[in-house]
Amino acid sequence: EVQLVESGGGLVQAGGSLRLSCAVSGFGFDDYAIGWFRQAPGKEREGVSCISSSDGTTYYADSVKGRFTISGDAAKNTVYLQMNSLKPEDTAVYYCTVDSWWNGQCLDASYYGMNYWGKGTLVTVSS
């Protein structure tokens, strides 16, 4: 059974930092993409960042470029999202997802056809 568990969310002041973790278990593909998405109240889920396991290529939404960094620890089956210079508009529930790697847009939720998602972790940025 594939499981994804997010952690690390919390309340932080604008300009602060948080590091989210996504622990993945039970996924049996050698090449995969892991994505971070977020959903703010009343808004659609949007892609934040994703990473390819095969070569470590990373992708970022324009809204977080230069502030967020995605990385992975294969030994721990965990992917991290370091979030710096946080803004109130970053407030959302953050989710991670995984799928086998294919040459598509991994910042788009439709990329993840296997539909494995964690339950999310809440990030609140106060002004």
Foldseek 3Di string as FASTA:
>chain_A
DKAWAKDWADEEAAQAKIKMKIAIPDDDAPWKKKWKWWDDPPGDIWTAKMAINPPGDIDGDPVQPPFWDWDDDVVRNMIMIIGGRDDQVVWTWMKMAMDGDDPDDPRDPVVRVVPHMHPTDTHGYHD
